[in-house]
Amino acid sequence: MSLAGEIAACTLCRDHLPHGVRPVVSFSATARLLIIGQAPGSKVHESGIPWDDASGDRLRDWTGLTKEQMYDPAQVALVPMGFCYPGKASGGDKPPRKECAPAWHDRVLGELPDDRLTLLVGTYAQAHYLPDAKKLPMTERVRHFRDYLPRFLPLPHPAWRSTLWMRQNPWFEEDVLAVLRAKVAQRIR
């Protein structure tokens, strides 16, 4: 069975998922852009398409990716920290299940090209992949994004709440987005 098939059949967290198991992930051995978010939301859980919601629209705007490019696994790998929708909590969704990334990420990343750029979208991905910067606030990790290049580029989560964050941090649009779009364009054919 292929790795994608194994992931699709995963039931590791089923007892903790109130809406059932539905891993949502997309990748191939040629994807030079990897986007790691937190976990599918309810809309993505229903559609089975990663970033198929308003957050995905904003992320595509930030990166300059079209829908066709973003959903082409030969170019873009979409691998959340938790592959299934964790359910609602007060103020938003529950955090990604902690079992998922340790069980699957190394195997998925092992299939991707070494020269990939990884966008770490939100605090869960950043805490996992930038452990030395874990104590920094997310804003500082994003502000100092150049410190993590060429391998990683930390971003805030593109949920509706990021609108206020972007107003409070105008440097994000001025400094980060141009570099982000240029780095993404280098990896897309």
N, C-alpha and C. Protein backbone atom coordinates (compact mmCIF):
# COMPACT_ATOMS: atom_id res chain seq x y z
N MET A 1 0.84 -1.18 0.00
CA MET A 1 0.00 0.00 0.00
C MET A 1 0.89 1.25 0.00
N SER A 2 0.50 2.26 -0.74
CA SER A 2 1.25 3.51 -0.79
C SER A 2 1.11 4.25 0.53
N LEU A 3 2.01 5.21 0.77
CA LEU A 3 1.92 6.02 1.97
C LEU A 3 0.60 6.79 2.00
N ALA A 4 0.20 7.35 0.87
CA ALA A 4 -1.08 8.06 0.81
C ALA A 4 -2.23 7.13 1.17
N GLY A 5 -2.16 5.89 0.71
CA GLY A 5 -3.19 4.91 1.04
C GLY A 5 -3.19 4.57 2.53
N GLU A 6 -2.00 4.44 3.11
CA GLU A 6 -1.92 4.17 4.55
C GLU A 6 -2.54 5.31 5.36
N ILE A 7 -2.23 6.56 4.94
CA ILE A 7 -2.78 7.71 5.64
C ILE A 7 -4.29 7.74 5.50
N ALA A 8 -4.80 7.49 4.31
CA ALA A 8 -6.25 7.48 4.08
C ALA A 8 -6.96 6.44 4.96
N ALA A 9 -6.27 5.36 5.29
CA ALA A 9 -6.85 4.29 6.10
C ALA A 9 -6.58 4.46 7.60
N CYS A 10 -5.88 5.53 7.98
CA CYS A 10 -5.49 5.74 9.38
C CYS A 10 -6.72 5.92 10.27
N THR A 11 -6.69 5.26 11.42
CA THR A 11 -7.75 5.41 12.43
C THR A 11 -7.13 5.68 13.81
N LEU A 12 -5.91 6.12 13.83
CA LEU A 12 -5.15 6.32 15.07
C LEU A 12 -5.92 7.13 16.11
N CYS A 13 -6.61 8.17 15.70
CA CYS A 13 -7.28 9.08 16.63
C CYS A 13 -8.80 8.92 16.65
N ARG A 14 -9.33 7.91 16.06
CA ARG A 14 -10.79 7.82 15.87
C ARG A 14 -11.59 7.98 17.15
N ASP A 15 -11.06 7.53 18.27
CA ASP A 15 -11.81 7.64 19.53
C ASP A 15 -11.88 9.07 20.04
N HIS A 16 -11.09 9.97 19.45
CA HIS A 16 -11.03 11.37 19.90
C HIS A 16 -11.62 12.33 18.88
N LEU A 17 -12.16 11.83 17.81
CA LEU A 17 -12.66 12.67 16.73
C LEU A 17 -14.19 12.61 16.68
N PRO A 18 -14.86 13.62 17.21
CA PRO A 18 -16.33 13.56 17.30
C PRO A 18 -17.03 13.55 15.94
N HIS A 19 -16.35 13.96 14.89
CA HIS A 19 -16.98 13.99 13.56
C HIS A 19 -16.46 12.87 12.65
N GLY A 20 -15.70 11.96 13.22
CA GLY A 20 -15.21 10.83 12.46
C GLY A 20 -13.84 11.07 11.84
N VAL A 21 -13.29 10.00 11.30
CA VAL A 21 -11.97 10.02 10.70
C VAL A 21 -12.10 10.39 9.23
N ARG A 22 -11.33 11.39 8.80
CA ARG A 22 -11.24 11.75 7.39
C ARG A 22 -9.93 12.50 7.19
N PRO A 23 -8.82 11.77 7.03
CA PRO A 23 -7.54 12.43 6.83
C PRO A 23 -7.55 13.27 5.54
N VAL A 24 -7.11 14.50 5.66
CA VAL A 24 -7.05 15.41 4.52
C VAL A 24 -5.60 15.85 4.37
N VAL A 25 -4.95 15.31 3.33
CA VAL A 25 -3.54 15.57 3.08
C VAL A 25 -3.30 15.36 1.59
N SER A 26 -2.31 16.05 1.04
CA SER A 26 -2.00 15.92 -0.38
C SER A 26 -0.51 16.14 -0.57
N PHE A 27 0.16 15.22 -1.28
CA PHE A 27 1.61 15.37 -1.50
C PHE A 27 2.05 14.45 -2.62
N SER A 28 3.24 14.72 -3.14
CA SER A 28 3.89 13.82 -4.08
C SER A 28 5.40 14.01 -3.97
N ALA A 29 6.15 13.13 -4.57
CA ALA A 29 7.61 13.16 -4.48
C ALA A 29 8.24 14.33 -5.24
N THR A 30 7.46 15.10 -5.97
CA THR A 30 8.01 16.23 -6.72
C THR A 30 7.64 17.59 -6.16
N ALA A 31 6.83 17.64 -5.11
CA ALA A 31 6.35 18.91 -4.56
C ALA A 31 7.49 19.65 -3.86
N ARG A 32 7.87 20.80 -4.40
CA ARG A 32 8.96 21.60 -3.82
C ARG A 32 8.46 22.69 -2.89
N LEU A 33 7.15 22.76 -2.73
CA LEU A 33 6.55 23.67 -1.76
C LEU A 33 5.69 22.83 -0.83
N LEU A 34 5.94 22.97 0.46
CA LEU A 34 5.20 22.23 1.49
C LEU A 34 4.51 23.25 2.37
N ILE A 35 3.21 23.10 2.54
CA ILE A 35 2.45 23.97 3.43
C ILE A 35 1.95 23.13 4.59
N ILE A 36 2.42 23.48 5.79
CA ILE A 36 2.00 22.77 7.00
C ILE A 36 1.14 23.71 7.82
N GLY A 37 -0.14 23.37 7.94
CA GLY A 37 -1.07 24.14 8.75
C GLY A 37 -1.38 23.40 10.03
N GLN A 38 -2.56 23.68 10.62
CA GLN A 38 -2.85 23.00 11.88
C GLN A 38 -3.69 21.75 11.68
N ALA A 39 -4.93 21.87 11.28
CA ALA A 39 -5.79 20.71 11.06
C ALA A 39 -6.96 21.18 10.21
N PRO A 40 -7.59 20.28 9.49
CA PRO A 40 -8.76 20.67 8.69
C PRO A 40 -9.86 21.24 9.59
N GLY A 41 -10.56 22.25 9.07
CA GLY A 41 -11.75 22.76 9.74
C GLY A 41 -12.97 21.98 9.28
N SER A 42 -14.12 22.39 9.73
CA SER A 42 -15.35 21.64 9.42
C SER A 42 -15.65 21.64 7.92
N LYS A 43 -15.43 22.76 7.22
CA LYS A 43 -15.69 22.80 5.78
C LYS A 43 -14.75 21.87 5.02
N VAL A 44 -13.49 21.86 5.41
CA VAL A 44 -12.52 20.97 4.77
C VAL A 44 -12.85 19.52 5.09
N HIS A 45 -13.28 19.25 6.30
CA HIS A 45 -13.69 17.89 6.67
C HIS A 45 -14.82 17.42 5.76
N GLU A 46 -15.77 18.30 5.47
CA GLU A 46 -16.89 17.95 4.60
C GLU A 46 -16.45 17.73 3.16
N SER A 47 -15.61 18.61 2.64
CA SER A 47 -15.22 18.53 1.22
C SER A 47 -14.08 17.55 0.97
N GLY A 48 -13.22 17.36 1.97
CA GLY A 48 -12.05 16.52 1.78
C GLY A 48 -10.94 17.21 0.99
N ILE A 49 -11.07 18.52 0.77
CA ILE A 49 -10.09 19.29 0.00
C ILE A 49 -9.35 20.23 0.96
N PRO A 50 -8.02 20.11 1.07
CA PRO A 50 -7.27 20.97 1.99
C PRO A 50 -7.49 22.45 1.69
N TRP A 51 -7.56 23.26 2.72
CA TRP A 51 -7.65 24.72 2.59
C TRP A 51 -8.85 25.14 1.72
N ASP A 52 -9.92 24.36 1.74
CA ASP A 52 -11.11 24.65 0.94
C ASP A 52 -12.08 25.51 1.76
N ASP A 53 -11.60 26.69 2.16
CA ASP A 53 -12.41 27.58 2.99
C ASP A 53 -11.84 28.99 2.88
N ALA A 54 -12.37 29.91 3.67
CA ALA A 54 -11.90 31.30 3.61
C ALA A 54 -10.43 31.42 3.98
N SER A 55 -9.95 30.60 4.90
CA SER A 55 -8.52 30.62 5.24
C SER A 55 -7.67 30.25 4.04
N GLY A 56 -8.13 29.29 3.27
CA GLY A 56 -7.42 28.89 2.06
C GLY A 56 -7.40 30.01 1.03
N ASP A 57 -8.52 30.73 0.92
CA ASP A 57 -8.55 31.88 0.00
C ASP A 57 -7.50 32.91 0.40
N ARG A 58 -7.43 33.22 1.68
CA ARG A 58 -6.44 34.19 2.16
C ARG A 58 -5.03 33.66 1.96
N LEU A 59 -4.79 32.38 2.24
CA LEU A 59 -3.46 31.81 2.06
C LEU A 59 -3.04 31.86 0.59
N ARG A 60 -3.96 31.57 -0.31
CA ARG A 60 -3.64 31.67 -1.74
C ARG A 60 -3.31 33.11 -2.11
N ASP A 61 -4.04 34.07 -1.55
CA ASP A 61 -3.73 35.47 -1.81
C ASP A 61 -2.34 35.82 -1.30
N TRP A 62 -2.01 35.39 -0.09
CA TRP A 62 -0.69 35.67 0.46
C TRP A 62 0.43 35.08 -0.39
N THR A 63 0.24 33.85 -0.84
CA THR A 63 1.31 33.14 -1.56
C THR A 63 1.36 33.46 -3.04
N GLY A 64 0.26 33.96 -3.59
CA GLY A 64 0.18 34.18 -5.03
C GLY A 64 -0.14 32.93 -5.81
N LEU A 65 -0.50 31.86 -5.11
CA LEU A 65 -0.85 30.60 -5.78
C LEU A 65 -2.28 30.67 -6.32
N THR A 66 -2.49 30.08 -7.48
CA THR A 66 -3.85 29.88 -7.97
C THR A 66 -4.39 28.60 -7.33
N LYS A 67 -5.69 28.38 -7.45
CA LYS A 67 -6.26 27.13 -6.95
C LYS A 67 -5.64 25.94 -7.68
N GLU A 68 -5.46 26.08 -8.98
CA GLU A 68 -4.88 24.99 -9.76
C GLU A 68 -3.47 24.64 -9.27
N GLN A 69 -2.68 25.65 -8.98
CA GLN A 69 -1.32 25.40 -8.49
C GLN A 69 -1.36 24.78 -7.09
N MET A 70 -2.16 25.36 -6.22
CA MET A 70 -2.19 24.89 -4.83
C MET A 70 -2.66 23.44 -4.74
N TYR A 71 -3.58 23.06 -5.61
CA TYR A 71 -4.12 21.71 -5.54
C TYR A 71 -3.46 20.74 -6.51
N ASP A 72 -2.29 21.11 -7.00
CA ASP A 72 -1.48 20.21 -7.83
C ASP A 72 -0.43 19.56 -6.94
N PRO A 73 -0.66 18.31 -6.50
CA PRO A 73 0.28 17.68 -5.57
C PRO A 73 1.69 17.51 -6.14
N ALA A 74 1.83 17.58 -7.45
CA ALA A 74 3.17 17.52 -8.04
C ALA A 74 3.97 18.77 -7.72
N GLN A 75 3.27 19.85 -7.34
CA GLN A 75 3.95 21.11 -7.05
C GLN A 75 3.86 21.51 -5.57
N VAL A 76 2.72 21.25 -4.95
CA VAL A 76 2.48 21.71 -3.58
C VAL A 76 2.01 20.55 -2.72
N ALA A 77 2.70 20.34 -1.61
CA ALA A 77 2.29 19.35 -0.62
C ALA A 77 1.52 20.09 0.48
N LEU A 78 0.35 19.57 0.83
CA LEU A 78 -0.50 20.16 1.87
C LEU A 78 -0.61 19.15 2.99
N VAL A 79 0.13 19.39 4.07
CA VAL A 79 0.28 18.41 5.14
C VAL A 79 0.04 19.10 6.49
N PRO A 80 -1.15 19.01 7.05
CA PRO A 80 -1.40 19.66 8.33
C PRO A 80 -0.75 18.91 9.50
N MET A 81 -0.71 19.56 10.64
CA MET A 81 -0.17 18.92 11.84
C MET A 81 -1.08 17.77 12.28
N GLY A 82 -2.36 17.94 12.11
CA GLY A 82 -3.33 16.88 12.36
C GLY A 82 -4.12 16.69 11.08
N PHE A 83 -4.25 15.48 10.60
CA PHE A 83 -4.86 15.24 9.29
C PHE A 83 -6.39 15.23 9.32
N CYS A 84 -6.98 15.12 10.50
CA CYS A 84 -8.45 15.06 10.62
C CYS A 84 -8.97 16.24 11.41
N TYR A 85 -10.22 16.59 11.14
CA TYR A 85 -10.89 17.67 11.86
C TYR A 85 -11.06 17.29 13.32
N PRO A 86 -10.49 18.09 14.25
CA PRO A 86 -10.55 17.73 15.67
C PRO A 86 -11.83 18.11 16.38
N GLY A 87 -12.71 18.89 15.74
CA GLY A 87 -13.95 19.33 16.38
C GLY A 87 -13.82 20.74 16.93
N LYS A 88 -14.92 21.25 17.44
CA LYS A 88 -15.00 22.62 17.95
C LYS A 88 -14.59 22.71 19.41
N ALA A 89 -14.03 23.88 19.73
CA ALA A 89 -13.75 24.26 21.11
C ALA A 89 -14.28 25.68 21.27
N SER A 90 -14.27 26.19 22.48
CA SER A 90 -14.73 27.57 22.65
C SER A 90 -13.75 28.49 21.94
N GLY A 91 -14.28 29.37 21.10
CA GLY A 91 -13.42 30.31 20.39
C GLY A 91 -12.81 29.78 19.10
N GLY A 92 -13.18 28.59 18.68
CA GLY A 92 -12.63 28.05 17.43
C GLY A 92 -12.57 26.54 17.45
N ASP A 93 -11.66 26.00 16.65
CA ASP A 93 -11.52 24.55 16.59
C ASP A 93 -10.56 24.07 17.68
N LYS A 94 -10.69 22.80 18.03
CA LYS A 94 -9.75 22.18 18.95
C LYS A 94 -8.38 22.12 18.28
N PRO A 95 -7.31 21.99 19.08
CA PRO A 95 -5.97 21.85 18.48
C PRO A 95 -5.87 20.54 17.70
N PRO A 96 -4.88 20.48 16.79
CA PRO A 96 -4.66 19.22 16.08
C PRO A 96 -4.33 18.10 17.07
N ARG A 97 -4.73 16.90 16.72
CA ARG A 97 -4.39 15.75 17.56
C ARG A 97 -2.87 15.58 17.60
N LYS A 98 -2.35 15.30 18.78
CA LYS A 98 -0.89 15.20 18.96
C LYS A 98 -0.29 13.92 18.38
N GLU A 99 -1.11 12.93 18.11
CA GLU A 99 -0.60 11.66 17.60
C GLU A 99 -0.22 11.72 16.12
N CYS A 100 -0.83 12.62 15.40
CA CYS A 100 -0.73 12.60 13.94
C CYS A 100 0.67 12.92 13.40
N ALA A 101 1.19 14.08 13.76
CA ALA A 101 2.50 14.49 13.22
C ALA A 101 3.60 13.48 13.53
N PRO A 102 3.72 13.01 14.78
CA PRO A 102 4.77 12.00 15.05
C PRO A 102 4.57 10.70 14.25
N ALA A 103 3.33 10.35 14.00
CA ALA A 103 3.05 9.11 13.28
C ALA A 103 3.35 9.22 11.79
N TRP A 104 3.15 10.39 11.20
CA TRP A 104 3.17 10.48 9.74
C TRP A 104 4.16 11.47 9.13
N HIS A 105 4.48 12.56 9.79
CA HIS A 105 5.24 13.62 9.14
C HIS A 105 6.60 13.17 8.61
N ASP A 106 7.37 12.45 9.40
CA ASP A 106 8.70 12.03 8.91
C ASP A 106 8.58 11.19 7.65
N ARG A 107 7.60 10.35 7.59
CA ARG A 107 7.43 9.50 6.40
C ARG A 107 7.02 10.34 5.19
N VAL A 108 6.10 11.28 5.37
CA VAL A 108 5.69 12.14 4.26
C VAL A 108 6.86 13.01 3.81
N LEU A 109 7.54 13.65 4.76
CA LEU A 109 8.66 14.52 4.40
C LEU A 109 9.78 13.74 3.73
N GLY A 110 9.92 12.48 4.09
CA GLY A 110 10.94 11.64 3.46
C GLY A 110 10.68 11.40 1.99
N GLU A 111 9.46 11.58 1.55
CA GLU A 111 9.12 11.41 0.13
C GLU A 111 9.27 12.70 -0.68
N LEU A 112 9.43 13.84 -0.01
CA LEU A 112 9.48 15.14 -0.69
C LEU A 112 10.92 15.50 -1.05
N PRO A 113 11.11 16.38 -2.03
CA PRO A 113 12.46 16.81 -2.40
C PRO A 113 13.15 17.55 -1.25
N ASP A 114 14.47 17.43 -1.19
CA ASP A 114 15.23 18.08 -0.13
C ASP A 114 15.27 19.60 -0.29
N ASP A 115 15.12 20.10 -1.50
CA ASP A 115 15.22 21.55 -1.73
C ASP A 115 13.88 22.26 -1.61
N ARG A 116 12.97 21.70 -0.85
CA ARG A 116 11.64 22.29 -0.72
C ARG A 116 11.66 23.48 0.24
N LEU A 117 10.68 24.35 0.08
CA LEU A 117 10.40 25.42 1.03
C LEU A 117 9.18 24.98 1.82
N THR A 118 9.25 25.12 3.13
CA THR A 118 8.15 24.73 4.00
C THR A 118 7.55 25.97 4.63
N LEU A 119 6.28 26.22 4.34
CA LEU A 119 5.54 27.30 4.98
C LEU A 119 4.92 26.75 6.25
N LEU A 120 5.30 27.32 7.38
CA LEU A 120 4.78 26.90 8.68
C LEU A 120 3.66 27.85 9.06
N VAL A 121 2.43 27.40 8.83
CA VAL A 121 1.26 28.26 8.96
C VAL A 121 0.64 28.06 10.34
N GLY A 122 0.84 29.03 11.22
CA GLY A 122 0.27 28.99 12.56
C GLY A 122 1.22 28.46 13.61
N THR A 123 0.81 28.60 14.84
CA THR A 123 1.69 28.30 15.96
C THR A 123 1.99 26.81 16.15
N TYR A 124 1.04 25.93 15.82
CA TYR A 124 1.28 24.50 16.02
C TYR A 124 2.42 24.01 15.12
N ALA A 125 2.40 24.39 13.86
CA ALA A 125 3.46 23.99 12.94
C ALA A 125 4.79 24.62 13.35
N GLN A 126 4.75 25.87 13.75
CA GLN A 126 5.99 26.55 14.14
C GLN A 126 6.58 25.94 15.40
N ALA A 127 5.76 25.63 16.38
CA ALA A 127 6.26 25.01 17.61
C ALA A 127 6.92 23.67 17.34
N HIS A 128 6.35 22.92 16.41
CA HIS A 128 6.89 21.59 16.09
C HIS A 128 8.19 21.68 15.30
N TYR A 129 8.24 22.55 14.30
CA TYR A 129 9.38 22.59 13.38
C TYR A 129 10.42 23.65 13.72
N LEU A 130 10.11 24.56 14.64
CA LEU A 130 11.09 25.55 15.09
C LEU A 130 11.19 25.49 16.61
N PRO A 131 11.61 24.35 17.16
CA PRO A 131 11.56 24.19 18.61
C PRO A 131 12.43 25.21 19.36
N ASP A 132 13.52 25.67 18.74
CA ASP A 132 14.37 26.66 19.41
C ASP A 132 13.69 28.02 19.52
N ALA A 133 12.71 28.26 18.67
CA ALA A 133 11.98 29.53 18.67
C ALA A 133 10.62 29.40 19.33
N LYS A 134 10.36 28.28 19.94
CA LYS A 134 9.04 27.97 20.50
C LYS A 134 8.59 29.00 21.54
N LYS A 135 9.52 29.56 22.29
CA LYS A 135 9.16 30.51 23.34
C LYS A 135 8.89 31.91 22.81
N LEU A 136 9.28 32.16 21.57
CA LEU A 136 8.98 33.46 20.97
C LEU A 136 7.51 33.54 20.62
N PRO A 137 6.91 34.71 20.73
CA PRO A 137 5.53 34.85 20.24
C PRO A 137 5.51 34.65 18.73
N MET A 138 4.37 34.19 18.23
CA MET A 138 4.23 33.95 16.79
C MET A 138 4.58 35.19 15.99
N THR A 139 4.19 36.35 16.46
CA THR A 139 4.49 37.59 15.74
C THR A 139 6.00 37.76 15.55
N GLU A 140 6.77 37.43 16.56
CA GLU A 140 8.24 37.58 16.44
C GLU A 140 8.83 36.54 15.49
N ARG A 141 8.28 35.33 15.50
CA ARG A 141 8.78 34.33 14.54
C ARG A 141 8.51 34.79 13.12
N VAL A 142 7.32 35.35 12.88
CA VAL A 142 6.99 35.83 11.54
C VAL A 142 7.84 37.06 11.19
N ARG A 143 8.00 37.98 12.13
CA ARG A 143 8.80 39.18 11.88
C ARG A 143 10.24 38.84 11.49
N HIS A 144 10.77 37.79 12.09
CA HIS A 144 12.15 37.37 11.82
C HIS A 144 12.21 36.17 10.88
N PHE A 145 11.28 36.14 9.93
CA PHE A 145 11.15 35.01 9.00
C PHE A 145 12.45 34.71 8.27
N ARG A 146 13.25 35.73 7.99
CA ARG A 146 14.50 35.52 7.24
C ARG A 146 15.48 34.61 8.00
N ASP A 147 15.37 34.59 9.32
CA ASP A 147 16.24 33.74 10.14
C ASP A 147 16.02 32.26 9.86
N TYR A 148 14.86 31.91 9.30
CA TYR A 148 14.51 30.50 9.09
C TYR A 148 14.65 30.06 7.64
N LEU A 149 14.86 31.03 6.77
CA LEU A 149 15.06 30.71 5.34
C LEU A 149 16.44 30.10 5.15
N PRO A 150 16.67 29.28 4.15
CA PRO A 150 15.81 28.98 3.01
C PRO A 150 14.87 27.79 3.23
N ARG A 151 14.93 27.17 4.40
CA ARG A 151 14.16 25.95 4.61
C ARG A 151 12.71 26.21 5.03
N PHE A 152 12.52 27.15 5.97
CA PHE A 152 11.20 27.40 6.53
C PHE A 152 10.82 28.87 6.37
N LEU A 153 9.51 29.12 6.32
CA LEU A 153 8.99 30.48 6.35
C LEU A 153 7.73 30.46 7.22
N PRO A 154 7.83 31.01 8.45
CA PRO A 154 6.68 31.01 9.35
C PRO A 154 5.66 32.08 8.96
N LEU A 155 4.39 31.74 9.07
CA LEU A 155 3.29 32.64 8.74
C LEU A 155 2.22 32.54 9.84
N PRO A 156 1.45 33.61 10.02
CA PRO A 156 0.29 33.48 10.91
C PRO A 156 -0.75 32.59 10.25
N HIS A 157 -1.66 32.08 11.04
CA HIS A 157 -2.76 31.34 10.43
C HIS A 157 -3.64 32.33 9.69
N PRO A 158 -4.10 32.02 8.48
CA PRO A 158 -4.88 32.98 7.69
C PRO A 158 -6.37 33.00 8.02
N ALA A 159 -6.75 32.65 9.21
CA ALA A 159 -8.16 32.69 9.61
C ALA A 159 -8.64 34.15 9.65
N TRP A 160 -9.92 34.35 9.82
CA TRP A 160 -10.50 35.69 9.83
C TRP A 160 -9.84 36.57 10.89
N ARG A 161 -9.35 35.97 11.98
CA ARG A 161 -8.70 36.75 13.03
C ARG A 161 -7.42 37.43 12.55
N SER A 162 -6.82 36.91 11.49
CA SER A 162 -5.57 37.49 11.00
C SER A 162 -5.78 38.89 10.42
N THR A 163 -7.01 39.25 10.09
CA THR A 163 -7.27 40.59 9.58
C THR A 163 -6.86 41.64 10.61
N LEU A 164 -7.26 41.46 11.84
CA LEU A 164 -6.87 42.39 12.91
C LEU A 164 -5.36 42.33 13.12
N TRP A 165 -4.80 41.14 13.15
CA TRP A 165 -3.35 40.99 13.33
C TRP A 165 -2.59 41.74 12.24
N MET A 166 -3.05 41.64 10.99
CA MET A 166 -2.38 42.31 9.89
C MET A 166 -2.49 43.84 10.04
N ARG A 167 -3.60 44.33 10.52
CA ARG A 167 -3.73 45.78 10.76
C ARG A 167 -2.76 46.24 11.85
N GLN A 168 -2.55 45.40 12.84
CA GLN A 168 -1.65 45.74 13.94
C GLN A 168 -0.18 45.56 13.54
N ASN A 169 0.07 44.82 12.48
CA ASN A 169 1.44 44.51 12.04
C ASN A 169 1.59 44.79 10.54
N PRO A 170 1.55 46.06 10.14
CA PRO A 170 1.59 46.39 8.71
C PRO A 170 2.87 45.93 8.02
N TRP A 171 3.92 45.69 8.76
CA TRP A 171 5.17 45.19 8.19
C TRP A 171 4.96 43.83 7.52
N PHE A 172 3.95 43.06 7.95
CA PHE A 172 3.72 41.74 7.35
C PHE A 172 3.45 41.88 5.85
N GLU A 173 2.53 42.74 5.49
CA GLU A 173 2.23 42.93 4.06
C GLU A 173 3.40 43.60 3.34
N GLU A 174 4.05 44.54 4.00
CA GLU A 174 5.13 45.30 3.37
C GLU A 174 6.40 44.48 3.20
N ASP A 175 6.75 43.68 4.20
CA ASP A 175 8.04 42.97 4.20
C ASP A 175 7.94 41.48 3.85
N VAL A 176 6.96 40.81 4.44
CA VAL A 176 6.91 39.35 4.34
C VAL A 176 6.28 38.89 3.03
N LEU A 177 5.16 39.48 2.64
CA LEU A 177 4.41 38.94 1.51
C LEU A 177 5.18 38.98 0.20
N ALA A 178 5.96 40.01 -0.05
CA ALA A 178 6.74 40.06 -1.31
C ALA A 178 7.77 38.94 -1.35
N VAL A 179 8.44 38.72 -0.23
CA VAL A 179 9.44 37.64 -0.16
C VAL A 179 8.74 36.30 -0.28
N LEU A 180 7.63 36.13 0.43
CA LEU A 180 6.86 34.88 0.37
C LEU A 180 6.48 34.56 -1.07
N ARG A 181 5.90 35.53 -1.77
CA ARG A 181 5.46 35.28 -3.16
C ARG A 181 6.63 34.95 -4.06
N ALA A 182 7.75 35.61 -3.88
CA ALA A 182 8.93 35.33 -4.70
C ALA A 182 9.46 33.93 -4.43
N LYS A 183 9.53 33.54 -3.17
CA LYS A 183 10.04 32.20 -2.82
C LYS A 183 9.09 31.11 -3.32
N VAL A 184 7.79 31.36 -3.22
CA VAL A 184 6.81 30.38 -3.72
C VAL A 184 6.95 30.25 -5.24
N ALA A 185 7.04 31.38 -5.92
CA ALA A 185 7.14 31.36 -7.40
C ALA A 185 8.37 30.60 -7.87
N GLN A 186 9.44 30.62 -7.10
CA GLN A 186 10.67 29.89 -7.46
C GLN A 186 10.44 28.38 -7.47
N ARG A 187 9.46 27.92 -6.75
CA ARG A 187 9.25 26.47 -6.60
C ARG A 187 8.07 25.95 -7.42
N ILE A 188 7.39 26.84 -8.11
CA ILE A 188 6.24 26.44 -8.92
C ILE A 188 6.60 26.53 -10.39
N ARG A 189 6.21 25.51 -11.17
CA ARG A 189 6.51 25.58 -12.61
C ARG A 189 5.35 26.15 -13.37
